[in-house]
Amino acid sequence: MIKQRILIGFAAVLLAALALMHWHAFDWAERALLDAEFRYLRAHYPQAVGKDIVLIGIDEATLAAQREPFALWHPYLGRLLKGLALAKPAVAGLDVVLPSRSFDFLIPQYDRPLLEGLTALRNVAPIVLAQLLDDRGNQRVIFTAYLAIAGLDGVGSVIVCRDPDHLVRRYDERECGFGETETSFAGRMAQHLGVQKKSWQGFINYSIGDAITYIPVQKVLEWIDNNNEASLNEAFRGKPVMLGMIQPFVDRFPLPVALAAFEPDTRLLPGVLIQVQALRSMLGPGLIAPLSAEFALALAAVASLFWFGAGGWRKTLVFALATAALVALATALLLWKNVQFPAASLAGVSLLALASRYAYDTLLKSRERRLLREAFASYVNPQILKKILRGRIRPGLSGTRQRVCVMYCNIRGFTSRAERMSPEAVIKLLNDYFSAAVSAVLKHEGTTSKISADGLLAFFGAPQQLANPEKNALEASQDALENLARLNEQLAARGGEPLTVGIGLHSGEVVLGQVGAVLHREYTAIGDVVNVASRLEQATTELGYPVVCSALVADAVGRAGGLEDLGERTLRGHPALHVFGWRPRLLSARAP
């Protein structure tokens, strides 16, 4: 039955794990882990790119140096593109908003410088124009003359994929709304550089390449105006070149890493840097490929095996080590195989299995304890049962020394009385008597140890520690006598004889433990203190008090409450002992 439940539980965990993997429930953790891997690899395992992209930036200083708004930058862009043509770059990508119409109506021949610049650059290198969206989400129109110069393979979309946390990690030409162009801006540039792929899908590899720098447009224009071909050739010849906006509040996106050398303390960076890093990835190891869904599900099934085996610190340690190994494996695969390994998802599935088994075991133990409590509550003292269920009483037969107050209670003249009664009546009377006595002991946090034919042995201070066990024992004695008085009233109403008891109390060090055989044990106290308490109970008849206690008990409560000093008395089989008699006031008040 237990094995069947374990297998059913595993099946439930497995189905839950597969469902969570299918619904990408752990993607948030995968994204966080991927970001951490990017930052770790950039810091500890820097990977240079062969022929890096050169970025020309239109920054604030460049905009401030020109009087016209950017929409009227035809002359400046024309000069810039003609200068680039002199350097003959491998490919040029223009990630800027180009005019959607001719401006010749404003000033005759105003389009000419930009047209001539595009033509000059196109004659020596491929050109890729950025296809952007307008404020309504539609493709922004590019003036047809510019499109004609760039050619059919000269336009690419710069739309980016945002994850639920708004960061840009994915680069997917099929799912990120690249529109009718079908090919991305960076993908077009990669094609012109000889890297052909039908469709780019995966994660941008933010771990490769140095921090991105840029050359301001204003600087390039100075080189061109000064005919500084040497600087132009050194910066651009034979290299991929991008032109983009580097503005503080325009076209910014949150990225997983601080990618810009010119802004090292922020991850909110210009969008053109996404295109640079995507092209770096395409020209280098490629976009990062996620592990196949089928393989990931198979590994999740393996991770679900954490359901098996009882919990404990060893299993928790194995889980921690397995999680660390998964993270290390994921980082290694990212570095050497360009694969995203779902370490966070597998760790999540393992944790689900581990936590589910812990919850199952806890529920099972709770149920077993409840059943034990219900089954043995009438047979085992509640304090002892509580300790057993909590595992605080060791199963061995060794004992421990502890100071307690022992209470011995016995019915006077019970043997002769029982001889005159039927067995059923004897049992009924004993049950009524012990119910009265035991309830008083438990009320005052005592432990019932032995119930003999007509006697009760109890002690106070173990296994539950008490501040003043002697006080608890005296209060329990008083309540036991009160309960007995009420029982005698019931007996009198039925025409029965009243019960008379004697109670002996003594305190000191005893040996506490489980006494008996392996198959049957009894938690009890052993020592001279127990024998003295029994002798004190026997002395109650001679001394005429229902309760007789030792001076140790009386001193523990300041000899208060009406305790009467009886001096030293000789007890049977024991040296003389200083004793006190007690007739509780509440009991005396009930007397006629």
Protein backbone atom coordinates (compact mmCIF):
# COMPACT_ATOMS: atom_id res chain seq x y z
CA MET A 1 0.00 0.00 0.00
CA ILE A 2 2.82 2.39 0.91
CA LYS A 3 4.75 1.53 -2.27
CA GLN A 4 1.61 2.13 -4.30
CA ARG A 5 1.17 5.57 -2.72
CA ILE A 6 4.83 6.40 -3.40
CA LEU A 7 4.41 5.50 -7.08
CA ILE A 8 1.18 7.48 -7.35
CA GLY A 9 2.93 10.45 -5.76
CA PHE A 10 5.80 10.17 -8.24
CA ALA A 11 3.37 10.06 -11.13
CA ALA A 12 1.68 13.21 -9.86
CA VAL A 13 5.02 15.01 -9.44
CA LEU A 14 6.14 13.88 -12.90
CA LEU A 15 2.95 15.12 -14.55
CA ALA A 16 3.21 18.44 -12.69
CA ALA A 17 6.86 18.81 -13.73
CA LEU A 18 6.14 18.11 -17.39
CA ALA A 19 3.20 20.52 -17.34
CA LEU A 20 5.31 23.26 -15.77
CA MET A 21 8.05 22.70 -18.35
CA HIS A 22 5.52 22.75 -21.19
CA TRP A 23 3.98 25.99 -19.93
CA HIS A 24 7.43 27.56 -19.41
CA ALA A 25 6.72 28.17 -15.75
CA PHE A 26 10.43 28.41 -14.94
CA ASP A 27 11.33 30.81 -17.76
CA TRP A 28 11.74 33.70 -15.30
CA ALA A 29 14.44 31.73 -13.51
CA GLU A 30 16.06 30.72 -16.80
CA ARG A 31 16.26 34.36 -17.84
CA ALA A 32 17.82 35.37 -14.53
CA LEU A 33 20.36 32.53 -14.77
CA LEU A 34 21.21 33.37 -18.39
CA ASP A 35 21.85 37.00 -17.42
CA ALA A 36 24.09 35.88 -14.56
CA GLU A 37 26.00 33.58 -16.94
CA PHE A 38 26.51 36.44 -19.41
CA ARG A 39 27.92 38.68 -16.70
CA TYR A 40 30.09 35.92 -15.26
CA LEU A 41 31.57 34.97 -18.63
CA ARG A 42 32.22 38.59 -19.58
CA ALA A 43 34.06 39.10 -16.29
CA HIS A 44 36.04 35.84 -16.14
CA TYR A 45 36.16 34.38 -19.66
CA PRO A 46 36.19 37.29 -22.14
CA GLN A 47 35.75 36.18 -25.75
CA ALA A 48 37.06 38.46 -28.48
CA VAL A 49 35.38 38.62 -31.90
CA GLY A 50 37.42 38.27 -35.07
CA LYS A 51 36.42 41.35 -37.06
CA ASP A 52 34.35 43.53 -34.78
CA ILE A 53 31.61 45.92 -35.87
CA VAL A 54 32.51 49.59 -35.97
CA LEU A 55 29.76 51.81 -34.62
CA ILE A 56 29.37 55.41 -35.74
CA GLY A 57 27.20 57.26 -33.25
CA ILE A 58 24.99 60.29 -33.65
CA ASP A 59 25.41 61.65 -30.13
CA GLU A 60 24.35 64.87 -28.45
CA ALA A 61 27.57 66.65 -29.34
CA THR A 62 27.04 65.86 -33.04
CA LEU A 63 23.43 67.08 -32.95
CA ALA A 64 24.50 70.25 -31.15
CA ALA A 65 27.13 70.95 -33.84
CA GLN A 66 24.50 71.00 -36.63
CA ARG A 67 21.84 73.68 -36.87
CA GLU A 68 19.26 71.66 -38.82
CA PRO A 69 17.06 68.98 -37.27
CA PHE A 70 18.00 65.41 -38.12
CA ALA A 71 15.21 65.15 -40.72
CA LEU A 72 17.11 67.74 -42.77
CA TRP A 73 20.54 66.17 -42.45
CA HIS A 74 20.75 65.31 -46.12
CA PRO A 75 24.03 67.24 -46.65
CA TYR A 76 25.75 65.85 -43.57
CA LEU A 77 24.69 62.25 -44.18
CA GLY A 78 25.74 62.58 -47.80
CA ARG A 79 29.24 63.77 -46.77
CA LEU A 80 29.46 60.98 -44.19
CA LEU A 81 28.52 58.26 -46.68
CA LYS A 82 30.92 59.57 -49.35
CA GLY A 83 33.69 59.54 -46.78
CA LEU A 84 32.87 55.94 -45.84
CA ALA A 85 32.98 55.02 -49.51
CA LEU A 86 36.60 56.12 -49.58
CA ALA A 87 37.40 53.63 -46.81
CA LYS A 88 35.50 50.75 -48.50
CA PRO A 89 33.87 49.00 -45.50
CA ALA A 90 32.75 45.37 -45.80
CA VAL A 91 29.09 46.37 -45.30
CA ALA A 92 27.32 49.46 -44.01
CA GLY A 93 24.12 49.39 -41.99
CA LEU A 94 22.16 52.59 -41.39
CA ASP A 95 20.05 52.20 -38.21
CA VAL A 96 18.52 55.67 -38.52
CA VAL A 97 15.21 57.12 -39.63
CA LEU A 98 15.59 58.05 -43.28
CA PRO A 99 13.22 60.53 -44.97
CA SER A 100 9.96 59.08 -46.23
CA ARG A 101 9.68 61.53 -49.14
CA SER A 102 11.62 63.96 -51.29
CA PHE A 103 12.55 67.34 -49.80
CA ASP A 104 13.20 68.95 -53.17
CA PHE A 105 9.93 70.84 -52.77
CA LEU A 106 11.52 72.67 -49.85
CA ILE A 107 14.84 73.46 -51.46
CA PRO A 108 15.60 72.39 -55.04
CA GLN A 109 18.15 69.55 -55.26
CA TYR A 110 18.07 69.10 -51.45
CA ASP A 111 17.88 65.29 -51.84
CA ARG A 112 20.94 65.20 -54.07
CA PRO A 113 23.74 65.02 -51.42
CA LEU A 114 22.15 62.05 -49.64
CA LEU A 115 21.39 60.27 -52.93
CA GLU A 116 24.96 60.78 -54.09
CA GLY A 117 26.35 59.55 -50.78
CA LEU A 118 24.21 56.40 -50.84
CA THR A 119 25.20 55.74 -54.45
CA ALA A 120 28.89 56.22 -53.75
CA LEU A 121 28.81 53.89 -50.79
CA ARG A 122 26.67 51.32 -52.62
CA ASN A 123 29.22 51.19 -55.43
CA VAL A 124 31.93 49.91 -53.06
CA ALA A 125 29.99 48.03 -50.35
CA PRO A 126 26.56 46.56 -49.61
CA ILE A 127 24.14 48.89 -47.79
CA VAL A 128 21.41 47.80 -45.36
CA LEU A 129 18.71 50.30 -44.42
CA ALA A 130 16.81 49.90 -41.15
CA GLN A 131 13.10 49.20 -41.44
CA LEU A 132 11.44 50.80 -38.38
CA LEU A 133 7.88 51.13 -37.13
CA ASP A 134 5.95 54.36 -36.78
CA ASP A 135 4.02 55.44 -33.70
CA ARG A 136 1.04 53.31 -34.77
CA GLY A 137 3.06 50.14 -35.14
CA ASN A 138 3.11 50.20 -38.92
CA GLN A 139 6.24 49.98 -41.05
CA ARG A 140 7.75 53.39 -41.57
CA VAL A 141 7.91 54.40 -45.20
CA ILE A 142 11.38 54.90 -46.71
CA PHE A 143 11.75 57.16 -49.74
CA THR A 144 11.68 54.90 -52.83
CA ALA A 145 14.83 56.44 -54.30
CA TYR A 146 16.83 55.29 -51.26
CA LEU A 147 15.29 51.80 -51.47
CA ALA A 148 16.22 51.57 -55.14
CA ILE A 149 19.85 52.35 -54.35
CA ALA A 150 20.03 49.84 -51.49
CA GLY A 151 18.47 47.08 -53.61
CA LEU A 152 16.10 44.25 -52.77
CA ASP A 153 18.49 42.80 -50.20
CA GLY A 154 19.27 46.17 -48.68
CA VAL A 155 16.46 46.49 -46.09
CA GLY A 156 16.18 44.76 -42.71
CA SER A 157 13.88 45.16 -39.70
CA VAL A 158 15.24 46.43 -36.40
CA ILE A 159 12.20 45.32 -34.37
CA VAL A 160 13.40 43.63 -31.17
CA CYS A 161 11.95 40.85 -29.04
CA ARG A 162 11.16 41.87 -25.47
CA ASP A 163 10.84 39.25 -22.76
CA PRO A 164 8.16 39.56 -20.04
CA ASP A 165 10.67 41.48 -17.89
CA HIS A 166 11.14 43.88 -20.87
CA LEU A 167 14.78 42.92 -21.41
CA VAL A 168 15.97 42.10 -24.91
CA ARG A 169 17.57 38.66 -25.12
CA ARG A 170 15.85 36.78 -27.93
CA TYR A 171 16.37 37.39 -31.63
CA ASP A 172 13.70 35.62 -33.61
CA GLU A 173 12.96 36.58 -37.20
CA ARG A 174 9.78 34.47 -37.24
CA GLU A 175 8.12 35.46 -33.96
CA CYS A 176 9.19 39.01 -33.23
CA GLY A 177 7.14 40.81 -35.88
CA PHE A 178 9.78 41.45 -38.54
CA GLY A 179 7.00 41.95 -41.04
CA GLU A 180 7.12 41.52 -44.77
CA THR A 181 10.89 42.02 -44.98
CA GLU A 182 11.23 38.60 -43.26
CA THR A 183 14.90 39.30 -42.58
CA SER A 184 16.31 41.32 -39.74
CA PHE A 185 18.70 44.24 -40.00
CA ALA A 186 21.59 42.30 -38.46
CA GLY A 187 20.61 39.23 -40.50
CA ARG A 188 20.87 41.24 -43.76
CA MET A 189 24.30 42.49 -42.80
CA ALA A 190 25.38 38.92 -41.95
CA GLN A 191 24.18 37.75 -45.38
CA HIS A 192 26.32 40.37 -47.10
CA LEU A 193 29.27 39.16 -45.01
CA GLY A 194 28.79 35.60 -46.24
CA VAL A 195 26.86 34.13 -43.31
CA GLN A 196 23.70 32.67 -44.84
CA LYS A 197 20.81 31.38 -42.77
CA LYS A 198 17.16 30.98 -43.68
CA SER A 199 15.91 32.34 -40.38
CA TRP A 200 17.72 33.51 -37.27
CA GLN A 201 16.31 32.21 -33.99
CA GLY A 202 17.85 32.06 -30.53
CA PHE A 203 19.36 34.28 -27.89
CA ILE A 204 21.79 37.10 -28.54
CA ASN A 205 25.13 36.12 -27.04
CA TYR A 206 25.91 38.97 -24.67
CA SER A 207 28.99 37.21 -23.32
CA ILE A 208 31.18 37.76 -26.40
CA GLY A 209 33.11 40.83 -27.48
CA ASP A 210 34.55 43.78 -25.63
CA ALA A 211 32.43 46.60 -24.27
CA ILE A 212 31.08 48.52 -27.28
CA THR A 213 32.60 51.87 -28.20
CA TYR A 214 31.57 54.29 -30.93
CA ILE A 215 33.08 56.96 -33.15
CA PRO A 216 31.04 60.18 -33.11
CA VAL A 217 29.70 61.33 -36.49
CA GLN A 218 31.27 64.71 -35.82
CA LYS A 219 34.71 63.05 -35.59
CA VAL A 220 34.23 61.21 -38.87
CA LEU A 221 33.11 64.43 -40.59
CA GLU A 222 36.28 66.11 -39.34
CA TRP A 223 38.39 63.33 -40.88
CA ILE A 224 36.49 63.75 -44.16
CA ASP A 225 36.78 67.56 -44.18
CA ASN A 226 40.51 67.28 -43.48
CA ASN A 227 41.01 64.57 -46.18
CA ASN A 228 42.34 62.27 -43.44
CA GLU A 229 42.04 59.06 -45.43
CA ALA A 230 44.49 57.31 -43.14
CA SER A 231 42.16 57.60 -40.17
CA LEU A 232 39.18 56.61 -42.32
CA ASN A 233 40.94 53.51 -43.60
CA GLU A 234 42.20 52.51 -40.18
CA ALA A 235 38.74 52.82 -38.69
CA PHE A 236 36.51 51.37 -41.44
CA ARG A 237 38.34 49.58 -44.28
CA GLY A 238 37.09 46.06 -44.74
CA LYS A 239 35.00 46.16 -41.55
CA PRO A 240 31.25 45.97 -40.87
CA VAL A 241 30.02 49.48 -40.05
CA MET A 242 26.79 50.60 -38.36
CA LEU A 243 25.39 54.08 -38.02
CA GLY A 244 22.96 54.66 -35.13
CA MET A 245 21.62 57.07 -32.55
CA ILE A 246 23.42 57.43 -29.22
CA GLN A 247 20.96 59.63 -27.37
CA PRO A 248 20.27 59.71 -23.61
CA PHE A 249 16.46 59.45 -23.81
CA VAL A 250 15.73 58.14 -27.32
CA ASP A 251 15.54 54.51 -28.53
CA ARG A 252 16.75 52.94 -25.27
CA PHE A 253 16.26 49.30 -24.22
CA PRO A 254 17.10 47.37 -21.02
CA LEU A 255 19.78 44.73 -21.67
CA PRO A 256 21.09 41.84 -19.55
CA VAL A 257 24.60 43.30 -19.26
CA ALA A 258 26.28 46.69 -19.17
CA LEU A 259 27.41 46.49 -22.79
CA ALA A 260 28.58 50.05 -23.49
CA ALA A 261 32.09 51.22 -22.67
CA PHE A 262 30.85 54.81 -22.83
CA GLU A 263 28.12 54.12 -20.22
CA PRO A 264 29.59 51.36 -18.01
CA ASP A 265 27.16 51.75 -15.12
CA THR A 266 23.84 51.24 -16.90
CA ARG A 267 22.06 48.48 -18.78
CA LEU A 268 19.49 50.83 -20.34
CA LEU A 269 21.29 51.34 -23.63
CA PRO A 270 20.71 52.54 -27.22
CA GLY A 271 18.89 50.11 -29.48
CA VAL A 272 21.67 50.10 -32.06
CA LEU A 273 23.83 48.20 -29.53
CA ILE A 274 21.36 45.32 -29.76
CA GLN A 275 21.98 45.16 -33.51
CA VAL A 276 25.75 45.30 -32.96
CA GLN A 277 25.65 42.42 -30.45
CA ALA A 278 23.26 40.39 -32.60
CA LEU A 279 25.60 40.75 -35.59
CA ARG A 280 28.54 39.83 -33.38
CA SER A 281 26.69 36.64 -32.44
CA MET A 282 25.81 35.83 -36.06
CA LEU A 283 29.38 36.33 -37.26
CA GLY A 284 30.83 34.42 -34.32
CA PRO A 285 29.40 31.31 -32.69
CA GLY A 286 25.85 32.11 -33.83
CA LEU A 287 22.76 32.85 -31.77
CA ILE A 288 22.46 30.77 -28.60
CA ALA A 289 20.24 27.76 -29.24
CA PRO A 290 17.93 26.53 -26.47
CA LEU A 291 18.08 22.83 -25.67
CA SER A 292 15.45 20.90 -27.61
CA ALA A 293 12.07 20.70 -25.89
CA GLU A 294 12.06 16.90 -26.05
CA PHE A 295 15.45 16.59 -24.38
CA ALA A 296 14.48 19.15 -21.74
CA LEU A 297 11.33 17.17 -20.90
CA ALA A 298 13.35 13.97 -20.62
CA LEU A 299 15.77 15.65 -18.22
CA ALA A 300 12.81 17.00 -16.23
CA ALA A 301 11.57 13.43 -15.84
CA VAL A 302 14.98 12.47 -14.46
CA ALA A 303 14.94 15.45 -12.07
CA SER A 304 11.55 14.24 -10.79
CA LEU A 305 13.34 11.23 -9.28
CA PHE A 306 14.15 13.46 -6.31
CA TRP A 307 10.70 12.35 -5.13
CA PHE A 308 12.14 8.98 -4.12
CA GLY A 309 13.98 8.50 -0.86
CA ALA A 310 13.25 9.83 2.59
CA GLY A 311 14.14 13.44 3.30
CA GLY A 312 16.89 14.67 5.53
CA TRP A 313 20.04 16.73 5.43
CA ARG A 314 21.78 14.25 3.13
CA LYS A 315 19.08 14.52 0.49
CA THR A 316 19.06 18.31 0.84
CA LEU A 317 22.84 18.31 0.40
CA VAL A 318 22.53 16.16 -2.72
CA PHE A 319 19.96 18.61 -4.09
CA ALA A 320 22.26 21.57 -3.40
CA LEU A 321 25.21 19.84 -5.05
CA ALA A 322 23.07 18.79 -8.03
CA THR A 323 21.84 22.37 -8.48
CA ALA A 324 25.42 23.69 -8.38
CA ALA A 325 26.44 21.05 -10.94
CA LEU A 326 23.54 22.02 -13.22
CA VAL A 327 24.53 25.69 -13.10
CA ALA A 328 28.17 24.82 -13.82
CA LEU A 329 27.11 22.59 -16.72
CA ALA A 330 24.86 25.31 -18.12
CA THR A 331 27.69 27.86 -18.00
CA ALA A 332 30.12 25.43 -19.66
CA LEU A 333 27.66 24.58 -22.46
CA LEU A 334 27.01 28.27 -23.04
CA LEU A 335 30.73 28.98 -23.24
CA TRP A 336 31.84 26.05 -25.39
CA LYS A 337 28.73 24.83 -27.23
CA ASN A 338 26.65 28.00 -27.50
CA VAL A 339 23.67 26.13 -26.01
CA GLN A 340 21.26 27.30 -23.34
CA PHE A 341 20.91 24.42 -20.89
CA PRO A 342 17.74 24.65 -18.74
CA ALA A 343 19.53 24.36 -15.40
CA ALA A 344 17.05 26.61 -13.56
CA SER A 345 14.06 24.60 -14.81
CA LEU A 346 15.65 21.29 -13.83
CA ALA A 347 16.56 22.70 -10.42
CA GLY A 348 12.96 23.89 -10.08
CA VAL A 349 11.62 20.43 -10.94
CA SER A 350 14.05 18.85 -8.46
CA LEU A 351 12.91 21.29 -5.78
CA LEU A 352 9.28 20.51 -6.61
CA ALA A 353 9.94 16.79 -6.20
CA LEU A 354 11.96 17.33 -3.02
CA ALA A 355 9.36 19.65 -1.46
CA SER A 356 6.48 17.40 -2.49
CA ARG A 357 8.11 14.38 -0.89
CA TYR A 358 8.85 16.39 2.24
CA ALA A 359 5.20 17.52 2.39
CA TYR A 360 4.03 13.94 1.82
CA ASP A 361 6.30 12.57 4.56
CA THR A 362 5.26 15.34 6.94
CA LEU A 363 1.59 14.65 6.28
CA LEU A 364 2.14 10.92 6.71
CA LYS A 365 4.02 11.39 9.98
CA SER A 366 1.34 13.76 11.23
CA ARG A 367 -1.31 11.18 10.40
CA GLU A 368 0.68 8.42 12.09
CA ARG A 369 1.16 10.56 15.19
CA ARG A 370 -2.54 11.35 15.30
CA LEU A 371 -3.38 7.66 15.03
CA LEU A 372 -0.84 6.81 17.73
CA ARG A 373 -2.19 9.54 19.97
CA GLU A 374 -5.75 8.31 19.49
CA ALA A 375 -4.76 4.67 19.99
CA PHE A 376 -2.46 5.04 23.00
CA ALA A 377 -3.69 8.18 24.74
CA SER A 378 -5.47 6.02 27.30
CA TYR A 379 -2.43 3.79 27.84
CA VAL A 380 0.51 6.21 27.87
CA ASN A 381 0.89 9.36 29.91
CA PRO A 382 0.26 12.39 27.64
CA GLN A 383 3.60 13.98 28.58
CA ILE A 384 5.47 10.79 27.74
CA LEU A 385 3.45 10.24 24.58
CA LYS A 386 4.30 13.77 23.45
CA LYS A 387 8.01 13.11 24.02
CA ILE A 388 7.82 9.81 22.16
CA LEU A 389 6.10 11.39 19.16
CA ARG A 390 8.72 14.13 19.08
CA GLY A 391 11.53 11.59 19.32
CA ARG A 392 12.87 12.97 22.61
CA ILE A 393 12.73 9.71 24.52
CA ARG A 394 15.39 7.35 23.32
CA PRO A 395 14.40 3.75 22.58
CA GLY A 396 17.23 2.26 24.66
CA LEU A 397 16.94 0.94 28.20
CA SER A 398 19.48 3.31 29.76
CA GLY A 399 18.30 5.90 32.32
CA THR A 400 19.07 9.48 33.24
CA ARG A 401 19.33 11.10 36.66
CA GLN A 402 16.97 13.94 37.44
CA ARG A 403 15.46 15.67 40.47
CA VAL A 404 11.69 15.11 40.79
CA CYS A 405 8.94 15.08 43.37
CA VAL A 406 7.41 11.62 43.73
CA MET A 407 3.75 11.13 44.69
CA TYR A 408 2.45 7.79 45.97
CA CYS A 409 -1.32 7.41 46.45
CA ASN A 410 -3.01 4.31 47.84
CA ILE A 411 -6.55 3.26 48.86
CA ARG A 412 -6.76 2.22 52.53
CA GLY A 413 -8.34 -1.11 53.29
CA PHE A 414 -9.06 -1.88 49.67
CA THR A 415 -8.15 -5.58 49.77
CA SER A 416 -10.78 -6.48 52.36
CA ARG A 417 -13.34 -4.30 50.62
CA ALA A 418 -12.69 -5.94 47.25
CA GLU A 419 -13.28 -9.38 48.72
CA ARG A 420 -16.89 -8.39 49.42
CA MET A 421 -17.53 -7.06 45.89
CA SER A 422 -18.04 -8.63 42.49
CA PRO A 423 -15.14 -8.35 40.02
CA GLU A 424 -17.19 -6.02 37.80
CA ALA A 425 -17.93 -3.71 40.73
CA VAL A 426 -14.24 -3.69 41.74
CA ILE A 427 -13.16 -2.68 38.25
CA LYS A 428 -15.84 0.03 38.14
CA LEU A 429 -14.73 1.42 41.49
CA LEU A 430 -11.04 1.38 40.57
CA ASN A 431 -11.71 3.11 37.25
CA ASP A 432 -13.66 5.86 39.01
CA TYR A 433 -10.91 6.28 41.61
CA PHE A 434 -8.02 6.34 39.13
CA SER A 435 -9.90 8.77 36.91
CA ALA A 436 -10.15 11.14 39.87
CA ALA A 437 -6.48 10.75 40.80
CA VAL A 438 -4.93 10.73 37.32
CA SER A 439 -6.87 13.79 36.16
CA ALA A 440 -5.46 15.73 39.11
CA VAL A 441 -1.90 14.61 38.30
CA LEU A 442 -2.19 15.57 34.62
CA LYS A 443 -3.84 18.89 35.45
CA HIS A 444 -0.71 19.90 37.35
CA GLU A 445 1.72 18.65 34.68
CA GLY A 446 2.67 15.45 36.42
CA THR A 447 3.51 12.06 34.94
CA THR A 448 1.69 8.91 35.95
CA SER A 449 4.22 6.10 36.14
CA LYS A 450 2.53 3.00 37.60
CA ILE A 451 -1.03 1.97 38.39
CA SER A 452 -1.14 -1.10 40.62
CA ALA A 453 -4.16 -2.84 42.11
CA ASP A 454 -5.05 0.02 44.46
CA GLY A 455 -2.11 2.39 44.20
CA LEU A 456 -0.80 5.12 41.92
CA LEU A 457 2.80 6.24 41.44
CA ALA A 458 3.37 9.63 39.81
CA PHE A 459 6.21 12.16 39.65
CA PHE A 460 6.55 15.83 38.85
CA GLY A 461 9.44 17.47 36.99
CA ALA A 462 10.03 14.86 34.27
CA PRO A 463 9.93 14.48 31.38
CA GLN A 464 8.53 18.02 31.47
CA GLN A 465 10.71 20.41 33.44
CA LEU A 466 8.91 22.35 36.19
CA ALA A 467 10.00 25.41 38.15
CA ASN A 468 8.77 23.94 41.46
CA PRO A 469 7.73 20.29 41.13
CA GLU A 470 6.93 20.07 44.90
CA LYS A 471 4.31 22.82 44.54
CA ASN A 472 2.74 21.00 41.59
CA ALA A 473 2.68 17.76 43.57
CA LEU A 474 0.92 19.37 46.57
CA GLU A 475 -1.64 21.04 44.30
CA ALA A 476 -2.25 17.73 42.53
CA SER A 477 -2.73 16.02 45.92
CA GLN A 478 -5.28 18.61 46.93
CA ASP A 479 -7.20 18.20 43.64
CA ALA A 480 -7.05 14.40 43.93
CA LEU A 481 -8.62 14.59 47.38
CA GLU A 482 -11.23 17.04 46.10
CA ASN A 483 -12.09 14.66 43.23
CA LEU A 484 -12.23 11.76 45.70
CA ALA A 485 -14.64 13.70 47.92
CA ARG A 486 -16.99 14.16 44.98
CA LEU A 487 -16.68 10.45 44.12
CA ASN A 488 -17.55 9.55 47.73
CA GLU A 489 -20.69 11.68 47.49
CA GLN A 490 -21.73 9.65 44.46
CA LEU A 491 -20.96 6.41 46.30
CA ALA A 492 -22.99 7.54 49.30
CA ALA A 493 -25.93 8.34 47.05
CA ARG A 494 -25.82 4.74 45.82
CA GLY A 495 -25.48 3.39 49.35
CA GLY A 496 -21.80 2.54 49.00
CA GLU A 497 -18.95 2.97 51.46
CA PRO A 498 -16.62 5.96 50.97
CA LEU A 499 -13.03 5.55 49.85
CA THR A 500 -10.14 6.70 52.02
CA VAL A 501 -6.71 7.31 50.55
CA GLY A 502 -3.27 8.25 51.77
CA ILE A 503 -0.75 10.30 49.78
CA GLY A 504 3.00 10.35 50.39
CA LEU A 505 5.29 13.00 48.82
CA HIS A 506 9.07 13.09 48.70
CA SER A 507 11.55 14.83 46.39
CA GLY A 508 15.09 14.09 45.33
CA GLU A 509 17.19 12.59 42.57
CA VAL A 510 15.90 9.49 40.79
CA VAL A 511 16.85 7.47 37.73
CA LEU A 512 14.35 8.01 34.93
CA GLY A 513 14.10 5.70 31.98
CA GLN A 514 12.38 2.83 30.25
CA VAL A 515 12.30 -0.28 32.33
CA GLY A 516 11.41 -3.71 31.01
CA ALA A 517 12.20 -5.87 27.99
CA VAL A 518 12.64 -4.92 24.37
CA LEU A 519 9.08 -5.98 23.63
CA HIS A 520 7.52 -4.20 26.60
CA ARG A 521 8.83 -1.15 28.45
CA GLU A 522 7.58 1.21 31.10
CA TYR A 523 8.79 4.77 31.60
CA THR A 524 9.26 5.11 35.36
CA ALA A 525 11.38 6.47 38.21
CA ILE A 526 13.69 4.31 40.29
CA GLY A 527 15.49 5.16 43.51
CA ASP A 528 15.21 5.60 47.24
CA VAL A 529 12.99 8.66 46.73
CA VAL A 530 10.26 6.34 45.41
CA ASN A 531 10.59 4.00 48.39
CA VAL A 532 10.40 6.92 50.86
CA ALA A 533 7.26 8.26 49.18
CA SER A 534 5.68 4.81 49.59
CA ARG A 535 6.66 4.71 53.29
CA LEU A 536 5.23 8.21 53.80
CA GLU A 537 1.92 7.07 52.32
CA GLN A 538 1.85 4.12 54.75
CA ALA A 539 2.41 6.58 57.62
CA THR A 540 -0.72 8.59 56.80
CA THR A 541 -2.95 6.15 58.75
CA GLU A 542 -0.83 6.30 61.86
CA LEU A 543 -0.32 10.08 61.72
CA GLY A 544 -3.96 10.84 60.83
CA TYR A 545 -3.31 13.04 57.81
CA PRO A 546 -4.43 12.39 54.22
CA VAL A 547 -1.12 13.79 52.95
CA VAL A 548 2.30 13.27 54.53
CA CYS A 549 5.39 14.78 52.92
CA SER A 550 9.07 15.07 53.72
CA ALA A 551 10.71 18.27 54.94
CA LEU A 552 12.33 18.60 51.48
CA VAL A 553 8.87 18.99 49.96
CA ALA A 554 7.68 21.36 52.69
CA ASP A 555 10.80 23.53 52.45
CA ALA A 556 10.40 23.83 48.67
CA VAL A 557 7.08 25.65 49.20
CA GLY A 558 8.18 27.62 52.27
CA ARG A 559 6.19 25.31 54.59
CA ALA A 560 3.11 27.31 53.54
CA GLY A 561 -0.47 26.25 52.90
CA GLY A 562 -1.17 24.76 56.32
CA LEU A 563 1.60 22.17 56.41
CA GLU A 564 2.02 20.92 60.01
CA ASP A 565 5.45 20.01 61.34
CA LEU A 566 5.32 16.48 62.79
CA GLY A 567 9.02 16.27 63.62
CA GLU A 568 11.17 13.26 62.94
CA ARG A 569 9.39 9.98 62.45
CA THR A 570 10.73 6.50 62.00
CA LEU A 571 9.58 4.92 58.76
CA ARG A 572 9.47 1.19 58.20
CA GLY A 573 12.74 0.05 56.66
CA HIS A 574 14.14 3.56 56.61
CA PRO A 575 16.00 5.88 59.00
CA ALA A 576 14.08 8.60 60.87
CA LEU A 577 12.86 11.39 58.63
CA HIS A 578 11.55 14.89 59.30
CA VAL A 579 7.97 14.88 58.03
CA PHE A 580 4.98 17.21 57.67
CA GLY A 581 1.28 16.42 57.70
CA TRP A 582 -1.20 18.22 55.52
CA ARG A 583 -4.94 18.47 55.58
CA PRO A 584 -5.78 20.81 52.66
CA ARG A 585 -7.91 23.77 53.68
CA LEU A 586 -10.35 23.34 50.84
CA LEU A 587 -10.91 19.78 51.96
CA SER A 588 -11.33 20.87 55.58
CA ALA A 589 -13.93 23.41 54.52
CA ARG A 590 -16.03 20.60 53.06
CA ALA A 591 -16.12 18.74 56.37
CA PRO A 592 -19.44 19.06 58.31
